[in-house]
N, C-alpha and C. Protein backbone atom coordinates (compact mmCIF):
# COMPACT_ATOMS: atom_id res chain seq x y z
N UNK A 1 242.10 138.77 -330.01
CA UNK A 1 243.07 139.43 -330.80
C UNK A 1 244.49 138.73 -330.43
N UNK A 2 245.22 138.54 -331.44
CA UNK A 2 246.59 137.89 -331.16
C UNK A 2 247.46 138.89 -330.48
N UNK A 3 248.40 138.34 -329.60
CA UNK A 3 249.30 139.18 -328.90
C UNK A 3 250.73 139.14 -329.56
N UNK A 4 251.59 140.12 -329.23
CA UNK A 4 252.95 140.10 -329.61
C UNK A 4 253.66 138.88 -329.20
N UNK A 5 253.40 138.45 -327.94
CA UNK A 5 254.04 137.21 -327.44
C UNK A 5 253.65 136.00 -328.26
N UNK A 6 252.47 135.88 -328.67
CA UNK A 6 251.95 134.77 -329.48
C UNK A 6 252.65 134.77 -330.84
N UNK A 7 252.80 135.95 -331.44
CA UNK A 7 253.36 136.09 -332.75
C UNK A 7 254.83 135.58 -332.66
N UNK A 8 255.54 136.10 -331.63
CA UNK A 8 256.96 135.70 -331.44
C UNK A 8 257.13 134.20 -331.25
N UNK A 9 256.21 133.68 -330.40
CA UNK A 9 256.25 132.21 -330.12
C UNK A 9 256.04 131.36 -331.32
N UNK A 10 255.09 131.76 -332.15
CA UNK A 10 254.83 131.10 -333.42
C UNK A 10 256.00 130.94 -334.38
N UNK A 11 256.94 131.99 -334.29
CA UNK A 11 258.04 132.00 -335.09
C UNK A 11 259.34 131.54 -334.30
N UNK A 12 259.09 130.95 -333.14
CA UNK A 12 260.19 130.34 -332.31
C UNK A 12 261.23 131.38 -331.92
N UNK A 13 260.73 132.60 -331.68
CA UNK A 13 261.63 133.70 -331.23
C UNK A 13 261.46 133.95 -329.82
N UNK A 14 262.62 134.23 -329.19
CA UNK A 14 262.48 134.67 -327.72
C UNK A 14 261.77 135.95 -327.65
N UNK A 15 260.99 136.09 -326.56
CA UNK A 15 260.18 137.29 -326.36
C UNK A 15 260.98 138.41 -325.64
N UNK A 16 261.90 139.10 -326.33
CA UNK A 16 262.63 140.15 -325.74
C UNK A 16 261.80 141.42 -325.67
N UNK A 17 262.25 142.34 -324.81
CA UNK A 17 261.53 143.55 -324.67
C UNK A 17 261.47 144.33 -325.96
N UNK A 18 262.53 144.39 -326.74
CA UNK A 18 262.56 145.17 -327.96
C UNK A 18 261.60 144.45 -329.01
N UNK A 19 261.67 143.18 -329.16
CA UNK A 19 260.77 142.49 -330.06
C UNK A 19 259.35 142.71 -329.71
N UNK A 20 259.05 142.52 -328.43
CA UNK A 20 257.62 142.72 -328.06
C UNK A 20 257.19 144.15 -328.38
N UNK A 21 258.02 145.11 -328.05
CA UNK A 21 257.76 146.55 -328.29
C UNK A 21 257.40 146.82 -329.71
N UNK A 22 258.21 146.31 -330.68
CA UNK A 22 257.89 146.57 -332.14
C UNK A 22 256.76 145.91 -332.58
N UNK A 23 256.57 144.54 -332.27
CA UNK A 23 255.40 143.81 -332.70
C UNK A 23 254.14 144.38 -332.09
N UNK A 24 254.12 144.78 -330.80
CA UNK A 24 253.03 145.33 -330.17
C UNK A 24 252.62 146.64 -330.79
N UNK A 25 253.60 147.59 -331.11
CA UNK A 25 253.29 148.81 -331.79
C UNK A 25 252.63 148.57 -333.13
N UNK A 26 253.11 147.57 -333.90
CA UNK A 26 252.51 147.34 -335.28
C UNK A 26 251.11 146.74 -335.03
N UNK A 27 250.97 145.95 -334.10
CA UNK A 27 249.57 145.40 -333.83
C UNK A 27 248.67 146.44 -333.40
N UNK A 28 248.95 147.36 -332.49
CA UNK A 28 248.08 148.34 -331.97
C UNK A 28 247.77 149.37 -333.01
N UNK A 29 248.75 149.73 -333.88
CA UNK A 29 248.47 150.80 -334.77
C UNK A 29 247.88 150.23 -336.14
N UNK A 30 247.98 149.01 -336.35
CA UNK A 30 247.36 148.32 -337.47
C UNK A 30 247.72 149.08 -338.82
N UNK A 31 249.06 149.43 -338.91
CA UNK A 31 249.40 150.08 -340.14
C UNK A 31 250.99 149.87 -340.26
N UNK A 32 251.49 150.15 -341.43
CA UNK A 32 252.97 150.18 -341.61
C UNK A 32 253.59 151.33 -340.95
N UNK A 33 254.73 151.21 -340.29
CA UNK A 33 255.37 152.26 -339.55
C UNK A 33 256.84 152.35 -339.83
N UNK A 34 257.38 153.51 -339.78
CA UNK A 34 258.84 153.79 -339.94
C UNK A 34 259.48 153.52 -338.60
N UNK A 35 260.77 153.52 -338.61
CA UNK A 35 261.53 153.35 -337.28
C UNK A 35 261.15 154.44 -336.28
N UNK A 36 261.15 155.71 -336.80
CA UNK A 36 260.79 156.82 -335.88
C UNK A 36 259.33 156.75 -335.30
N UNK A 37 258.36 156.25 -336.24
CA UNK A 37 257.01 156.07 -335.78
C UNK A 37 256.94 155.02 -334.72
N UNK A 38 257.65 153.91 -334.92
CA UNK A 38 257.72 152.78 -333.93
C UNK A 38 258.24 153.22 -332.60
N UNK A 39 259.32 154.00 -332.64
CA UNK A 39 259.86 154.52 -331.43
C UNK A 39 259.00 155.54 -330.72
N UNK A 40 258.26 156.28 -331.49
CA UNK A 40 257.29 157.14 -330.96
C UNK A 40 257.77 158.02 -329.83
N UNK A 41 257.11 157.91 -328.72
CA UNK A 41 257.38 158.72 -327.48
C UNK A 41 258.55 158.25 -326.70
N UNK A 42 259.15 157.11 -327.17
CA UNK A 42 260.26 156.47 -326.38
C UNK A 42 261.55 156.33 -327.30
N UNK A 43 262.00 157.39 -327.93
CA UNK A 43 263.14 157.25 -328.89
C UNK A 43 264.44 156.68 -328.25
N UNK A 44 264.54 156.89 -326.97
CA UNK A 44 265.80 156.41 -326.29
C UNK A 44 265.63 155.06 -325.51
N UNK A 45 264.41 154.48 -325.60
CA UNK A 45 264.08 153.22 -324.85
C UNK A 45 265.12 152.11 -325.16
N UNK A 46 265.53 151.93 -326.52
CA UNK A 46 266.40 150.90 -326.91
C UNK A 46 267.52 151.65 -327.74
N UNK A 47 268.79 151.22 -327.58
CA UNK A 47 269.82 151.73 -328.36
C UNK A 47 269.67 151.42 -329.85
N UNK A 48 270.26 152.24 -330.70
CA UNK A 48 270.04 152.18 -332.15
C UNK A 48 270.43 150.74 -332.71
N UNK A 49 271.55 150.16 -332.16
CA UNK A 49 272.01 148.87 -332.69
C UNK A 49 270.99 147.76 -332.32
N UNK A 50 270.54 147.76 -331.08
CA UNK A 50 269.56 146.75 -330.64
C UNK A 50 268.35 146.93 -331.47
N UNK A 51 267.78 148.14 -331.59
CA UNK A 51 266.62 148.32 -332.34
C UNK A 51 266.71 147.90 -333.81
N UNK A 52 267.83 148.27 -334.54
CA UNK A 52 268.10 147.81 -335.88
C UNK A 52 268.22 146.35 -336.07
N UNK A 53 269.01 145.69 -335.14
CA UNK A 53 269.11 144.26 -335.11
C UNK A 53 267.83 143.52 -334.92
N UNK A 54 266.96 144.06 -334.09
CA UNK A 54 265.70 143.50 -333.83
C UNK A 54 264.78 143.52 -335.11
N UNK A 55 264.82 144.70 -335.78
CA UNK A 55 264.04 144.78 -337.01
C UNK A 55 264.57 143.70 -338.03
N UNK A 56 265.84 143.65 -338.15
CA UNK A 56 266.41 142.52 -339.05
C UNK A 56 265.93 141.18 -338.68
N UNK A 57 266.05 140.88 -337.35
CA UNK A 57 265.54 139.58 -336.88
C UNK A 57 264.17 139.34 -337.15
N UNK A 58 263.29 140.29 -336.92
CA UNK A 58 261.91 140.16 -337.17
C UNK A 58 261.57 139.96 -338.62
N UNK A 59 262.37 140.62 -339.43
CA UNK A 59 262.13 140.54 -340.89
C UNK A 59 262.64 139.17 -341.37
N UNK A 60 263.83 138.77 -341.00
CA UNK A 60 264.35 137.46 -341.50
C UNK A 60 263.59 136.35 -340.93
N UNK A 61 262.92 136.51 -339.82
CA UNK A 61 262.11 135.29 -339.31
C UNK A 61 260.66 135.42 -339.92
N UNK A 62 260.35 136.37 -340.67
CA UNK A 62 258.99 136.37 -341.29
C UNK A 62 257.97 137.04 -340.47
N UNK A 63 258.25 137.72 -339.42
CA UNK A 63 257.22 138.43 -338.51
C UNK A 63 256.77 139.71 -339.26
N UNK A 64 257.74 140.38 -339.79
CA UNK A 64 257.47 141.63 -340.44
C UNK A 64 258.04 141.73 -341.82
N UNK A 65 257.62 142.66 -342.62
CA UNK A 65 258.27 142.92 -343.97
C UNK A 65 258.53 144.37 -344.09
N UNK A 66 259.50 144.61 -344.91
CA UNK A 66 259.97 146.02 -345.17
C UNK A 66 259.27 146.54 -346.39
N UNK A 67 258.90 147.85 -346.36
CA UNK A 67 258.29 148.44 -347.53
C UNK A 67 259.10 149.72 -347.83
N UNK A 68 259.77 149.63 -348.95
CA UNK A 68 260.69 150.77 -349.38
C UNK A 68 259.81 151.69 -350.31
N UNK A 69 259.68 152.88 -349.91
CA UNK A 69 258.89 153.84 -350.76
C UNK A 69 259.67 154.55 -351.80
N UNK A 70 259.00 155.32 -352.69
CA UNK A 70 259.78 155.89 -353.73
C UNK A 70 260.78 156.90 -353.34
N UNK A 71 260.65 157.49 -352.10
CA UNK A 71 261.61 158.44 -351.65
C UNK A 71 262.72 157.76 -350.82
N UNK A 72 262.73 156.43 -350.91
CA UNK A 72 263.71 155.51 -350.17
C UNK A 72 263.48 155.47 -348.75
N UNK A 73 262.45 156.10 -348.19
CA UNK A 73 262.03 155.85 -346.78
C UNK A 73 261.52 154.40 -346.61
N UNK A 74 261.63 153.90 -345.38
CA UNK A 74 261.27 152.51 -345.14
C UNK A 74 260.25 152.45 -344.11
N UNK A 75 259.19 151.65 -344.30
CA UNK A 75 258.26 151.31 -343.29
C UNK A 75 258.22 149.84 -343.10
N UNK A 76 257.67 149.41 -341.94
CA UNK A 76 257.58 147.96 -341.62
C UNK A 76 256.16 147.69 -341.29
N UNK A 77 255.76 146.49 -341.75
CA UNK A 77 254.33 145.95 -341.49
C UNK A 77 254.51 144.51 -341.04
N UNK A 78 253.40 144.13 -340.28
CA UNK A 78 253.35 142.71 -339.95
C UNK A 78 253.08 141.86 -341.01
N UNK A 79 253.55 140.60 -341.08
CA UNK A 79 253.19 139.59 -342.06
C UNK A 79 251.94 138.81 -341.62
N UNK A 80 251.22 138.36 -342.60
CA UNK A 80 250.07 137.44 -342.32
C UNK A 80 248.94 138.05 -341.46
N UNK A 81 249.00 139.37 -341.31
CA UNK A 81 247.90 139.95 -340.57
C UNK A 81 247.16 140.95 -341.33
N UNK A 82 247.82 141.41 -342.47
CA UNK A 82 247.25 142.40 -343.34
C UNK A 82 247.01 141.91 -344.80
N UNK A 83 247.69 140.86 -345.19
CA UNK A 83 247.52 140.39 -346.56
C UNK A 83 247.56 138.89 -346.64
N UNK A 84 247.31 138.42 -347.76
CA UNK A 84 247.23 136.95 -347.89
C UNK A 84 248.59 136.41 -347.80
N UNK A 85 248.66 135.12 -347.69
CA UNK A 85 249.96 134.39 -347.49
C UNK A 85 250.84 134.31 -348.81
N UNK A 86 250.46 134.83 -349.84
CA UNK A 86 251.16 134.77 -351.05
C UNK A 86 252.38 135.69 -350.93
N UNK A 87 253.46 135.41 -351.67
CA UNK A 87 254.65 136.26 -351.68
C UNK A 87 254.42 137.50 -352.60
N UNK A 88 253.28 137.51 -353.27
CA UNK A 88 252.89 138.68 -354.06
C UNK A 88 251.85 139.50 -353.35
N UNK A 89 252.19 140.72 -352.99
CA UNK A 89 251.19 141.57 -352.42
C UNK A 89 251.64 142.99 -352.73
N UNK A 90 250.68 143.89 -352.61
CA UNK A 90 251.05 145.23 -352.94
C UNK A 90 250.74 146.21 -351.75
N UNK A 91 251.19 147.33 -351.87
CA UNK A 91 250.96 148.39 -350.73
C UNK A 91 250.48 149.71 -351.53
N UNK A 92 249.75 150.45 -350.70
CA UNK A 92 249.32 151.72 -351.12
C UNK A 92 249.94 152.76 -350.24
N UNK A 93 250.57 153.78 -350.87
CA UNK A 93 251.17 154.91 -350.05
C UNK A 93 250.43 156.25 -350.40
N UNK A 94 249.84 156.78 -349.38
CA UNK A 94 249.17 158.08 -349.59
C UNK A 94 250.26 159.17 -349.50
N UNK A 95 250.34 159.97 -350.62
CA UNK A 95 251.31 161.04 -350.68
C UNK A 95 250.90 162.28 -349.82
N UNK A 96 249.69 162.27 -349.33
CA UNK A 96 249.27 163.41 -348.54
C UNK A 96 249.51 163.16 -347.05
N UNK A 97 249.04 162.01 -346.58
CA UNK A 97 249.17 161.74 -345.17
C UNK A 97 250.28 160.78 -344.79
N UNK A 98 250.90 160.22 -345.78
CA UNK A 98 252.07 159.35 -345.61
C UNK A 98 251.77 158.01 -345.02
N UNK A 99 250.49 157.62 -344.97
CA UNK A 99 250.09 156.32 -344.53
C UNK A 99 250.44 155.23 -345.55
N UNK A 100 250.82 154.12 -345.10
CA UNK A 100 251.13 152.98 -346.06
C UNK A 100 250.27 151.85 -345.58
N UNK A 101 249.60 151.11 -346.50
CA UNK A 101 248.78 150.04 -346.00
C UNK A 101 249.03 148.82 -347.06
N UNK A 102 248.94 147.65 -346.52
CA UNK A 102 249.01 146.42 -347.30
C UNK A 102 247.68 146.30 -347.98
N UNK A 103 247.58 146.00 -349.16
CA UNK A 103 246.34 145.81 -349.92
C UNK A 103 245.99 144.26 -349.86
N UNK A 104 244.72 144.06 -349.64
CA UNK A 104 244.12 142.68 -349.67
C UNK A 104 244.20 142.14 -351.01
N UNK A 105 244.37 140.81 -351.17
CA UNK A 105 244.29 140.22 -352.48
C UNK A 105 245.54 140.52 -353.27
N UNK A 106 245.60 140.01 -354.54
CA UNK A 106 246.64 140.17 -355.40
C UNK A 106 246.44 141.34 -356.28
N UNK A 107 247.51 142.11 -356.50
CA UNK A 107 247.44 143.18 -357.57
C UNK A 107 247.80 142.53 -358.84
N UNK A 108 247.17 142.84 -359.93
CA UNK A 108 247.60 142.22 -361.20
C UNK A 108 248.94 142.79 -361.56
N UNK A 109 249.87 141.96 -361.60
CA UNK A 109 251.23 142.36 -361.97
C UNK A 109 251.86 141.18 -362.73
N UNK A 110 252.28 141.49 -363.97
CA UNK A 110 252.84 140.44 -364.74
C UNK A 110 254.24 140.95 -365.24
N UNK A 111 255.25 140.13 -365.02
CA UNK A 111 256.54 140.42 -365.46
C UNK A 111 257.14 139.28 -366.09
N UNK A 112 257.71 139.46 -367.33
CA UNK A 112 258.28 138.28 -368.04
C UNK A 112 259.81 138.33 -367.60
N UNK A 113 260.18 137.27 -367.00
CA UNK A 113 261.68 137.21 -366.54
C UNK A 113 262.43 136.48 -367.59
N UNK A 114 263.75 136.78 -367.75
CA UNK A 114 264.57 136.04 -368.71
C UNK A 114 264.59 134.53 -368.36
N UNK A 115 264.95 133.66 -369.30
CA UNK A 115 265.06 132.26 -369.05
C UNK A 115 265.99 131.99 -367.85
N UNK A 116 265.55 131.03 -367.08
CA UNK A 116 266.21 130.48 -365.90
C UNK A 116 266.25 131.50 -364.71
N UNK A 117 265.54 132.60 -364.79
CA UNK A 117 265.39 133.49 -363.68
C UNK A 117 264.19 132.97 -362.81
N UNK A 118 264.41 133.08 -361.52
CA UNK A 118 263.30 132.58 -360.66
C UNK A 118 262.91 133.72 -359.73
N UNK A 119 261.58 134.05 -359.73
CA UNK A 119 261.11 135.12 -358.75
C UNK A 119 260.98 134.50 -357.42
N UNK A 120 261.33 135.29 -356.40
CA UNK A 120 261.10 134.85 -354.99
C UNK A 120 259.98 135.72 -354.32
N UNK A 121 260.10 137.06 -354.57
CA UNK A 121 259.08 137.99 -353.98
C UNK A 121 258.86 139.12 -355.01
N UNK A 122 257.68 139.66 -354.96
CA UNK A 122 257.35 140.89 -355.71
C UNK A 122 256.70 141.87 -354.76
N UNK A 123 257.28 143.03 -354.63
CA UNK A 123 256.64 144.07 -353.87
C UNK A 123 256.19 145.23 -354.70
N UNK A 124 255.01 145.62 -354.68
CA UNK A 124 254.46 146.72 -355.53
C UNK A 124 254.02 147.84 -354.61
N UNK A 125 254.43 149.09 -354.81
CA UNK A 125 253.91 150.18 -354.05
C UNK A 125 253.14 151.15 -354.97
N UNK A 126 251.97 151.28 -354.68
CA UNK A 126 251.12 152.17 -355.50
C UNK A 126 251.04 153.57 -354.79
N UNK A 127 251.45 154.56 -355.44
CA UNK A 127 251.42 155.96 -354.89
C UNK A 127 250.12 156.67 -355.30
N UNK A 128 249.62 157.43 -354.38
CA UNK A 128 248.43 158.21 -354.73
C UNK A 128 247.85 158.88 -353.52
N UNK A 129 246.57 158.97 -353.49
CA UNK A 129 245.90 159.66 -352.37
C UNK A 129 244.82 158.71 -351.78
N UNK A 130 244.81 158.56 -350.48
CA UNK A 130 243.86 157.71 -349.84
C UNK A 130 242.39 158.33 -349.80
N UNK A 131 241.44 157.57 -349.51
CA UNK A 131 240.05 157.99 -349.49
C UNK A 131 239.86 159.22 -348.57
N UNK A 132 240.46 159.18 -347.37
CA UNK A 132 240.33 160.26 -346.42
C UNK A 132 240.98 161.55 -346.97
N UNK A 133 242.11 161.49 -347.57
CA UNK A 133 242.77 162.67 -348.08
C UNK A 133 242.21 163.09 -349.49
N UNK A 134 241.66 162.26 -350.14
CA UNK A 134 241.13 162.58 -351.53
C UNK A 134 240.04 163.68 -351.40
N UNK A 135 239.33 163.76 -350.30
CA UNK A 135 238.28 164.74 -350.14
C UNK A 135 238.92 166.10 -349.91
N UNK A 136 240.14 166.18 -349.43
CA UNK A 136 240.76 167.43 -349.03
C UNK A 136 241.60 168.01 -350.21
N UNK A 137 241.98 167.08 -351.14
CA UNK A 137 242.90 167.54 -352.24
C UNK A 137 242.03 168.21 -353.35
N UNK A 138 242.54 169.42 -353.80
CA UNK A 138 241.73 170.12 -354.85
C UNK A 138 242.41 170.08 -356.12
């Protein structure tokens, strides 16, 4: 299994405590997580500015990506560990348990852009009920 240190090294990032903490949390939980979920039992371990800047650095360097849900809450997931290397991938958000997962493969999504518009990334969030929760919903 790949380590947080190896992921940071691949992206030529220094292995700071906060960077390792965030990447390790995402690796161990194997799911998209909010800032509060990442901080978990250690909400005061890093100050807000350090934590926020670290998330931006990890996102800008391509280690993680941000997923904005319909209620404008944000979760973060590792890149290249849960989906293909394409810039087009989708996510599934369970409205019952609030889990967010990157979906393997491409979601069929076609958008006609106006002339001379160039697409860089497409993020799709599918809202619904995961298999575990579907059995509980009546």
